Amino acid sequence: MAAITQYSAPGSGPDHVGRYALRRWTVIPATYLVAVVAFGLTVVPLLFVVVDGFRTNGDINNSPAGWPHPWVASNYTSILTSASFWEFIGNSALIATVATTLTLALGSMAALALSQYEFKGREFFYTVFVSGILFPIGVGALPLYLLLQRLGLLDNQFGVALPEAAFALPVTMIILRPFLRAIPGELREAALVDGASRFRFFVQILLPLAKPALITVGLLAFVTSWNQYLLPLLVLQTSSHFTLPLGTYTFQTQYSQNDAGIMAFTAMAMLPALAVFVFAQRYIVAGAAGAVKG
């Protein structure tokens, strides 16, 4: 009786299993190590800022990397009871809300035209939109200042919100257009046949379907506007119009000898944007992943 030789598929033998196990035990710890190092480099400095806000100036001078002893909460309470701090927050919230609203409205309409409709030069216009991401704000600082001066928008919150919305449009187009292109054109044709206008199709059908992408670009625009420093510094001149980043710089300049107070003010200034980002990070990842798939 002929001997039967057992067949093993390529890459399924004991050697392959051993190599896979070895790779698993080397790659996974290395991945965790990189994650821990990145976490330390990112979070530890922020923790130092928060903790130093609970110390006194004498403690910081004697031991810069020490622990609060005792814990002093007066640095934070004095900021929370300061009218200027809440004025800075109100200005930042107003500018970020206006910039985000304009970004969503203009970006969604432009993405609709460049994704759902065929016309000559469509890809050229899309390239023009996206190429805006290559030009930082600092490059156009002087022309932008002269333009806002002619429009009478200097020392005005809307003079900050409008350029911020314009600079947010490239990223908005990159994320929104793939989402809207993935929606079949037959859906638009069916809605038009049923009597829906183009505007109704856009508002009631297209925008709800693109909700993950809209949330993503809205959050990115809001956080970017909230943390913006150069544009407010360029446009705003009156301290009552300052945003929170400008207010932080003003506080550091005015109380340059109060290290503990500066740490407390900096910690309070970064908390709103940090809270929004932590709450919205899953939406940002989902929207970016959907844009890549689209």
Protein backbone atom coordinates (compact mmCIF):
# COMPACT_ATOMS: atom_id res chain seq x y z
CA MET A 1 0.00 0.00 0.00
CA ALA A 2 1.47 3.34 -1.07
CA ALA A 3 2.54 5.66 1.67
CA ILE A 4 0.50 8.80 2.03
CA THR A 5 2.50 11.97 2.46
CA GLN A 6 0.84 14.68 4.53
CA TYR A 7 0.62 17.98 2.67
CA SER A 8 1.23 21.24 4.42
CA ALA A 9 0.30 24.51 2.85
CA PRO A 10 3.15 26.99 2.42
CA GLY A 11 3.61 29.17 5.48
CA SER A 12 1.49 26.95 7.76
CA GLY A 13 4.17 24.74 9.32
CA PRO A 14 5.73 24.87 12.78
CA ASP A 15 8.48 27.21 11.56
CA HIS A 16 5.90 29.74 10.42
CA VAL A 17 4.06 29.55 13.74
CA GLY A 18 7.32 30.07 15.60
CA ARG A 19 8.26 33.09 13.50
CA TYR A 20 4.78 34.57 14.01
CA ALA A 21 5.01 34.10 17.78
CA LEU A 22 8.48 35.62 17.87
CA ARG A 23 7.36 38.60 15.82
CA ARG A 24 4.30 39.00 18.04
CA TRP A 25 6.39 39.07 21.22
CA THR A 26 8.82 41.61 19.78
CA VAL A 27 6.53 43.96 17.85
CA ILE A 28 3.78 44.36 20.44
CA PRO A 29 6.08 45.39 23.35
CA ALA A 30 7.92 47.79 21.03
CA THR A 31 4.59 49.33 20.01
CA TYR A 32 3.56 49.80 23.64
CA LEU A 33 6.96 51.27 24.45
CA VAL A 34 6.64 53.86 21.69
CA ALA A 35 3.10 54.69 22.88
CA VAL A 36 4.30 55.14 26.48
CA VAL A 37 7.18 57.39 25.40
CA ALA A 38 4.86 59.51 23.24
CA PHE A 39 2.36 59.72 26.11
CA GLY A 40 5.10 60.83 28.49
CA LEU A 41 6.45 63.50 26.15
CA THR A 42 2.95 64.85 25.59
CA VAL A 43 1.19 64.57 28.93
CA VAL A 44 3.96 64.99 31.52
CA PRO A 45 4.69 68.65 30.61
CA LEU A 46 0.97 69.41 30.82
CA LEU A 47 0.78 67.79 34.24
CA PHE A 48 3.72 69.91 35.41
CA VAL A 49 1.83 73.05 34.32
CA VAL A 50 -1.33 72.00 36.17
CA VAL A 51 0.49 70.92 39.34
CA ASP A 52 2.71 74.02 39.47
CA GLY A 53 -0.47 76.10 39.47
CA PHE A 54 -1.11 74.71 42.99
CA ARG A 55 2.29 75.84 44.28
CA THR A 56 3.71 79.12 45.51
CA ASN A 57 6.40 81.13 43.77
CA GLY A 58 8.83 80.30 46.55
CA ASP A 59 8.26 76.56 46.16
CA ILE A 60 8.79 76.78 42.38
CA ASN A 61 12.02 78.74 42.82
CA ASN A 62 13.36 76.34 45.46
CA SER A 63 12.32 73.14 43.67
CA PRO A 64 11.13 73.59 40.04
CA ALA A 65 10.21 69.90 39.70
CA GLY A 66 8.82 69.44 43.20
CA TRP A 67 5.38 68.55 44.49
CA PRO A 68 3.01 71.12 46.05
CA HIS A 69 3.47 71.35 49.81
CA PRO A 70 1.03 72.59 50.79
CA TRP A 71 -1.47 72.68 47.95
CA VAL A 72 -2.47 76.27 47.15
CA ALA A 73 -5.78 76.74 45.31
CA SER A 74 -5.78 80.55 45.42
CA ASN A 75 -4.00 80.78 42.05
CA TYR A 76 -6.91 79.06 40.34
CA THR A 77 -9.67 80.73 42.33
CA SER A 78 -8.29 84.21 41.58
CA ILE A 79 -8.40 83.43 37.85
CA LEU A 80 -11.89 81.96 38.00
CA THR A 81 -13.16 85.08 39.76
CA SER A 82 -11.43 87.40 37.28
CA ALA A 83 -13.77 89.19 34.85
CA SER A 84 -11.06 89.47 32.19
CA PHE A 85 -10.59 85.68 32.07
CA TRP A 86 -14.27 85.09 31.27
CA GLU A 87 -14.17 87.98 28.80
CA PHE A 88 -11.33 86.23 26.97
CA ILE A 89 -13.31 82.99 26.94
CA GLY A 90 -16.40 84.77 25.59
CA ASN A 91 -14.41 86.35 22.77
CA SER A 92 -12.81 83.03 21.85
CA ALA A 93 -16.18 81.27 21.92
CA LEU A 94 -17.77 83.94 19.69
CA ILE A 95 -14.96 83.85 17.12
CA ALA A 96 -14.73 80.04 17.10
CA THR A 97 -18.52 79.68 16.71
CA VAL A 98 -18.70 82.14 13.81
CA ALA A 99 -15.66 80.60 12.09
CA THR A 100 -17.03 77.06 12.52
CA THR A 101 -20.48 78.02 11.23
CA LEU A 102 -19.03 79.70 8.14
CA THR A 103 -16.68 76.77 7.53
CA LEU A 104 -19.52 74.24 7.65
CA ALA A 105 -21.90 76.30 5.52
CA LEU A 106 -19.45 77.33 2.80
CA GLY A 107 -17.47 74.08 2.85
CA SER A 108 -20.53 71.84 2.55
CA MET A 109 -21.96 73.84 -0.36
CA ALA A 110 -18.62 73.87 -2.19
CA ALA A 111 -18.14 70.16 -1.55
CA LEU A 112 -21.64 69.50 -2.93
CA ALA A 113 -20.85 71.31 -6.18
CA LEU A 114 -17.47 69.61 -6.56
CA SER A 115 -18.74 66.11 -5.81
CA GLN A 116 -22.32 65.72 -7.05
CA TYR A 117 -22.25 67.76 -10.26
CA GLU A 118 -20.21 67.30 -13.43
CA PHE A 119 -18.89 70.47 -15.07
CA LYS A 120 -15.81 71.61 -16.91
CA GLY A 121 -12.93 72.54 -14.64
CA ARG A 122 -14.30 70.76 -11.58
CA GLU A 123 -11.02 69.11 -10.67
CA PHE A 124 -9.17 72.38 -11.25
CA PHE A 125 -11.38 74.21 -8.76
CA TYR A 126 -10.95 71.37 -6.27
CA THR A 127 -7.17 71.61 -6.66
CA VAL A 128 -7.36 75.36 -6.03
CA PHE A 129 -9.32 74.76 -2.84
CA VAL A 130 -6.97 72.06 -1.57
CA SER A 131 -3.81 74.01 -2.48
CA GLY A 132 -4.77 76.53 0.19
CA ILE A 133 -3.46 74.09 2.79
CA LEU A 134 0.07 74.78 1.50
CA PHE A 135 -0.07 78.47 2.46
CA PRO A 136 0.27 79.22 6.19
CA ILE A 137 -1.30 82.29 7.72
CA GLY A 138 2.06 83.97 8.19
CA VAL A 139 2.66 84.10 4.43
CA GLY A 140 -0.43 86.24 3.83
CA ALA A 141 -0.23 88.31 7.00
CA LEU A 142 0.52 91.65 5.33
CA PRO A 143 -2.03 91.37 2.44
CA LEU A 144 -4.63 90.11 4.90
CA TYR A 145 -3.98 93.03 7.26
CA LEU A 146 -4.34 95.55 4.42
CA LEU A 147 -7.54 93.89 3.20
CA LEU A 148 -9.13 93.90 6.65
CA GLN A 149 -8.07 97.51 7.08
CA ARG A 150 -9.92 98.50 3.90
CA LEU A 151 -12.97 96.53 4.99
CA GLY A 152 -12.97 98.22 8.39
CA LEU A 153 -12.61 94.89 10.23
CA LEU A 154 -9.49 95.64 12.25
CA ASP A 155 -9.95 95.32 16.01
CA ASN A 156 -13.15 93.38 15.30
CA GLN A 157 -13.92 89.77 16.21
CA PHE A 158 -15.42 89.15 12.78
CA GLY A 159 -12.14 90.28 11.24
CA VAL A 160 -10.61 87.23 12.92
CA ALA A 161 -13.46 84.77 12.29
CA LEU A 162 -13.69 85.36 8.53
CA PRO A 163 -10.02 84.59 7.72
CA GLU A 164 -10.09 81.62 10.09
CA ALA A 165 -13.03 80.18 8.17
CA ALA A 166 -11.21 80.75 4.88
CA PHE A 167 -8.07 78.98 6.11
CA ALA A 168 -10.18 76.06 7.38
CA LEU A 169 -11.82 75.42 3.98
CA PRO A 170 -8.99 73.33 2.44
CA VAL A 171 -9.13 70.69 5.19
CA THR A 172 -12.92 70.84 5.06
CA MET A 173 -12.90 70.07 1.34
CA ILE A 174 -10.43 67.21 1.76
CA ILE A 175 -12.70 65.52 4.32
CA LEU A 176 -16.16 66.40 2.96
CA ARG A 177 -15.75 65.77 -0.76
CA PRO A 178 -15.03 62.00 -0.50
CA PHE A 179 -18.07 61.60 1.75
CA LEU A 180 -20.37 63.37 -0.68
CA ARG A 181 -18.91 61.62 -3.72
CA ALA A 182 -19.68 58.26 -2.11
CA ILE A 183 -23.40 59.15 -2.12
CA PRO A 184 -24.86 57.79 -5.40
CA GLY A 185 -26.16 60.28 -7.93
CA GLU A 186 -29.31 58.17 -8.35
CA LEU A 187 -30.39 59.34 -4.91
CA ARG A 188 -30.33 62.97 -6.08
CA GLU A 189 -32.21 62.11 -9.26
CA ALA A 190 -34.86 60.20 -7.31
CA ALA A 191 -35.32 63.14 -4.93
CA LEU A 192 -35.70 65.57 -7.84
CA VAL A 193 -38.24 63.28 -9.52
CA ASP A 194 -40.25 63.19 -6.29
CA GLY A 195 -40.46 66.97 -6.39
CA ALA A 196 -37.69 67.95 -4.00
CA SER A 197 -35.73 71.07 -4.90
CA ARG A 198 -31.93 71.02 -5.04
CA PHE A 199 -31.76 72.98 -1.80
CA ARG A 200 -34.15 70.59 -0.05
CA PHE A 201 -32.14 67.60 -1.26
CA PHE A 202 -29.00 69.25 0.07
CA VAL A 203 -30.41 70.13 3.50
CA GLN A 204 -32.71 67.18 4.24
CA ILE A 205 -30.92 64.28 2.54
CA LEU A 206 -27.28 65.02 1.77
CA LEU A 207 -26.25 66.77 4.99
CA PRO A 208 -27.70 64.10 7.33
CA LEU A 209 -25.86 61.41 5.36
CA ALA A 210 -22.62 63.37 5.72
CA LYS A 211 -23.09 63.96 9.46
CA PRO A 212 -19.86 62.16 10.56
CA ALA A 213 -17.76 64.27 8.20
CA LEU A 214 -19.57 67.47 9.22
CA ILE A 215 -18.91 66.76 12.89
CA THR A 216 -15.25 66.12 12.14
CA VAL A 217 -14.63 69.31 10.15
CA GLY A 218 -16.69 71.34 12.61
CA LEU A 219 -14.66 70.15 15.58
CA LEU A 220 -11.37 70.68 13.78
CA ALA A 221 -12.40 74.20 12.77
CA PHE A 222 -13.55 75.03 16.31
CA VAL A 223 -10.42 73.75 18.06
CA THR A 224 -8.13 75.39 15.48
CA SER A 225 -9.93 78.70 15.86
CA TRP A 226 -9.88 78.48 19.66
CA ASN A 227 -6.10 77.92 19.70
CA GLN A 228 -5.31 80.50 17.00
CA TYR A 229 -2.79 83.10 18.11
CA LEU A 230 -1.33 84.85 15.05
CA LEU A 231 -4.58 86.10 13.52
CA PRO A 232 -5.95 87.62 16.75
CA LEU A 233 -2.55 89.19 17.38
CA LEU A 234 -2.62 90.67 13.87
CA VAL A 235 -6.20 91.99 13.96
CA LEU A 236 -7.17 92.73 17.55
CA GLN A 237 -5.83 95.78 19.37
CA THR A 238 -8.19 96.40 22.30
CA SER A 239 -7.71 94.13 25.31
CA SER A 240 -11.48 93.76 25.72
CA HIS A 241 -11.55 92.02 22.32
CA PHE A 242 -8.67 89.63 23.05
CA THR A 243 -9.11 85.89 22.71
CA LEU A 244 -7.89 83.42 25.32
CA PRO A 245 -4.43 82.79 23.74
CA LEU A 246 -3.86 86.56 23.56
CA GLY A 247 -5.15 86.91 27.10
CA THR A 248 -2.68 84.28 28.26
CA TYR A 249 0.19 86.19 26.67
CA THR A 250 -1.05 89.44 28.23
CA PHE A 251 -1.25 87.81 31.66
CA GLN A 252 2.27 86.39 31.33
CA THR A 253 3.61 89.81 30.35
CA GLN A 254 1.79 91.64 33.14
CA TYR A 255 2.65 89.12 35.88
CA SER A 256 6.05 87.95 34.67
CA GLN A 257 7.28 87.41 38.23
CA ASN A 258 4.27 85.36 39.30
CA ASP A 259 5.31 81.93 38.00
CA ALA A 260 2.61 80.04 39.89
CA GLY A 261 -0.12 82.36 38.62
CA ILE A 262 1.16 82.03 35.05
CA MET A 263 1.06 78.23 35.33
CA ALA A 264 -2.48 78.35 36.70
CA PHE A 265 -3.68 80.72 33.97
CA THR A 266 -2.04 78.58 31.26
CA ALA A 267 -3.66 75.44 32.66
CA MET A 268 -7.09 77.06 32.74
CA ALA A 269 -6.61 78.41 29.20
CA MET A 270 -5.86 75.01 27.69
CA LEU A 271 -8.66 73.13 29.47
CA PRO A 272 -11.59 74.12 27.17
CA ALA A 273 -9.87 73.08 23.93
CA LEU A 274 -8.49 69.94 25.60
CA ALA A 275 -11.96 68.97 26.87
CA VAL A 276 -13.51 69.48 23.43
CA PHE A 277 -10.78 67.43 21.75
CA VAL A 278 -11.02 64.56 24.27
CA PHE A 279 -14.79 64.46 23.88
CA ALA A 280 -14.65 64.62 20.09
CA GLN A 281 -11.60 62.53 19.23
CA ARG A 282 -13.66 59.48 18.23
CA TYR A 283 -15.70 61.62 15.84
CA ILE A 284 -12.52 63.09 14.33
CA VAL A 285 -11.02 59.63 13.80
CA ALA A 286 -14.27 58.28 12.33
CA GLY A 287 -14.61 61.24 9.96
CA ALA A 288 -11.01 61.03 8.80
CA ALA A 289 -11.30 57.28 8.25
CA GLY A 290 -14.47 57.79 6.24
CA ALA A 291 -12.76 60.42 4.11
CA VAL A 292 -9.91 58.01 3.33
CA LYS A 293 -12.35 55.23 2.39
CA GLY A 294 -14.33 57.61 0.20
